[in-house]
Amino acid sequence: MKLFTRVFQIVHLSVSLSIIEENYLTLRLEDYGNWCTQKDIIHMEKRGNMKNG
């Protein structure tokens, strides 16, 4: 029973972290879109740098 609880905690933690990370990335991309011009974003996408940050 103890092992199950531990596994559950680890899974819960990693799920929470991935949700936080996803929200953070979404916020960052929105900020980026606010101050970047459309031309710069298109240029970045062509170079494939959007995913790499």
C-alpha atoms as a PDB file:
ATOM      1  CA  MET A   1       0.000   0.000   0.000  1.00  0.00           C
ATOM      2  CA  LYS A   2       2.873   2.340   0.810  1.00  0.00           C
ATOM      3  CA  LEU A   3       4.443   1.719  -2.593  1.00  0.00           C
ATOM      4  CA  PHE A   4       1.188   2.556  -4.360  1.00  0.00           C
ATOM      5  CA  THR A   5       0.940   5.840  -2.460  1.00  0.00           C
ATOM      6  CA  ARG A   6       4.523   6.722  -3.405  1.00  0.00           C
ATOM      7  CA  VAL A   7       3.932   5.927  -7.082  1.00  0.00           C
ATOM      8  CA  PHE A   8       0.750   7.981  -7.014  1.00  0.00           C
ATOM      9  CA  GLN A   9       2.626  10.953  -5.508  1.00  0.00           C
ATOM     10  CA  ILE A  10       5.332  10.780  -8.173  1.00  0.00           C
ATOM     11  CA  VAL A  11       2.805  10.524 -11.002  1.00  0.00           C
ATOM     12  CA  HIS A  12       0.738  13.346  -9.534  1.00  0.00           C
ATOM     13  CA  LEU A  13       3.824  15.527  -9.186  1.00  0.00           C
ATOM     14  CA  SER A  14       4.996  14.951 -12.753  1.00  0.00           C
ATOM     15  CA  VAL A  15       1.491  15.619 -14.105  1.00  0.00           C
ATOM     16  CA  SER A  16       1.316  18.849 -12.092  1.00  0.00           C
ATOM     17  CA  LEU A  17       4.732  19.917 -13.352  1.00  0.00           C
ATOM     18  CA  SER A  18       3.865  19.243 -16.987  1.00  0.00           C
ATOM     19  CA  ILE A  19       0.622  21.250 -16.607  1.00  0.00           C
ATOM     20  CA  ILE A  20       2.542  24.159 -15.050  1.00  0.00           C
ATOM     21  CA  GLU A  21       5.189  23.950 -17.769  1.00  0.00           C
ATOM     22  CA  GLU A  22       2.536  23.924 -20.498  1.00  0.00           C
ATOM     23  CA  ASN A  23       0.775  26.950 -19.016  1.00  0.00           C
ATOM     24  CA  TYR A  24       4.094  28.765 -18.630  1.00  0.00           C
ATOM     25  CA  LEU A  25       5.058  28.089 -22.245  1.00  0.00           C
ATOM     26  CA  THR A  26       1.638  29.255 -23.434  1.00  0.00           C
ATOM     27  CA  LEU A  27       2.014  32.475 -21.442  1.00  0.00           C
ATOM     28  CA  ARG A  28       5.508  33.044 -22.785  1.00  0.00           C
ATOM     29  CA  LEU A  29       4.319  32.536 -26.370  1.00  0.00           C
ATOM     30  CA  GLU A  30       1.478  35.014 -25.808  1.00  0.00           C
ATOM     31  CA  ASP A  31       3.929  37.576 -24.401  1.00  0.00           C
ATOM     32  CA  TYR A  32       6.239  36.918 -27.320  1.00  0.00           C
ATOM     33  CA  GLY A  33       3.390  37.437 -29.770  1.00  0.00           C
ATOM     34  CA  ASN A  34       2.480  40.717 -28.085  1.00  0.00           C
ATOM     35  CA  TRP A  35       5.827  42.428 -28.533  1.00  0.00           C
ATOM     36  CA  CYS A  36       7.085  40.659 -31.649  1.00  0.00           C
ATOM     37  CA  THR A  37       6.029  41.742 -35.095  1.00  0.00           C
ATOM     38  CA  GLN A  38       4.255  39.237 -37.315  1.00  0.00           C
ATOM     39  CA  LYS A  39       7.208  39.286 -39.711  1.00  0.00           C
ATOM     40  CA  ASP A  40       9.644  38.238 -36.974  1.00  0.00           C
ATOM     41  CA  ILE A  41       7.396  35.352 -35.885  1.00  0.00           C
ATOM     42  CA  ILE A  42       7.089  34.076 -39.467  1.00  0.00           C
ATOM     43  CA  HIS A  43      10.857  34.370 -39.850  1.00  0.00           C
ATOM     44  CA  MET A  44      11.431  32.420 -36.625  1.00  0.00           C
ATOM     45  CA  GLU A  45       8.985  29.689 -37.685  1.00  0.00           C
ATOM     46  CA  LYS A  46      10.754  29.307 -41.028  1.00  0.00           C
ATOM     47  CA  ARG A  47      14.026  28.735 -39.199  1.00  0.00           C
ATOM     48  CA  GLY A  48      12.266  26.254 -36.876  1.00  0.00           C
ATOM     49  CA  ASN A  49      13.288  28.063 -33.700  1.00  0.00           C
ATOM     50  CA  MET A  50       9.839  28.422 -32.119  1.00  0.00           C
ATOM     51  CA  LYS A  51       9.900  24.887 -30.660  1.00  0.00           C
ATOM     52  CA  ASN A  52      13.469  25.187 -29.424  1.00  0.00           C
ATOM     53  CA  GLY A  53      12.761  28.457 -27.686  1.00  0.00           C
END
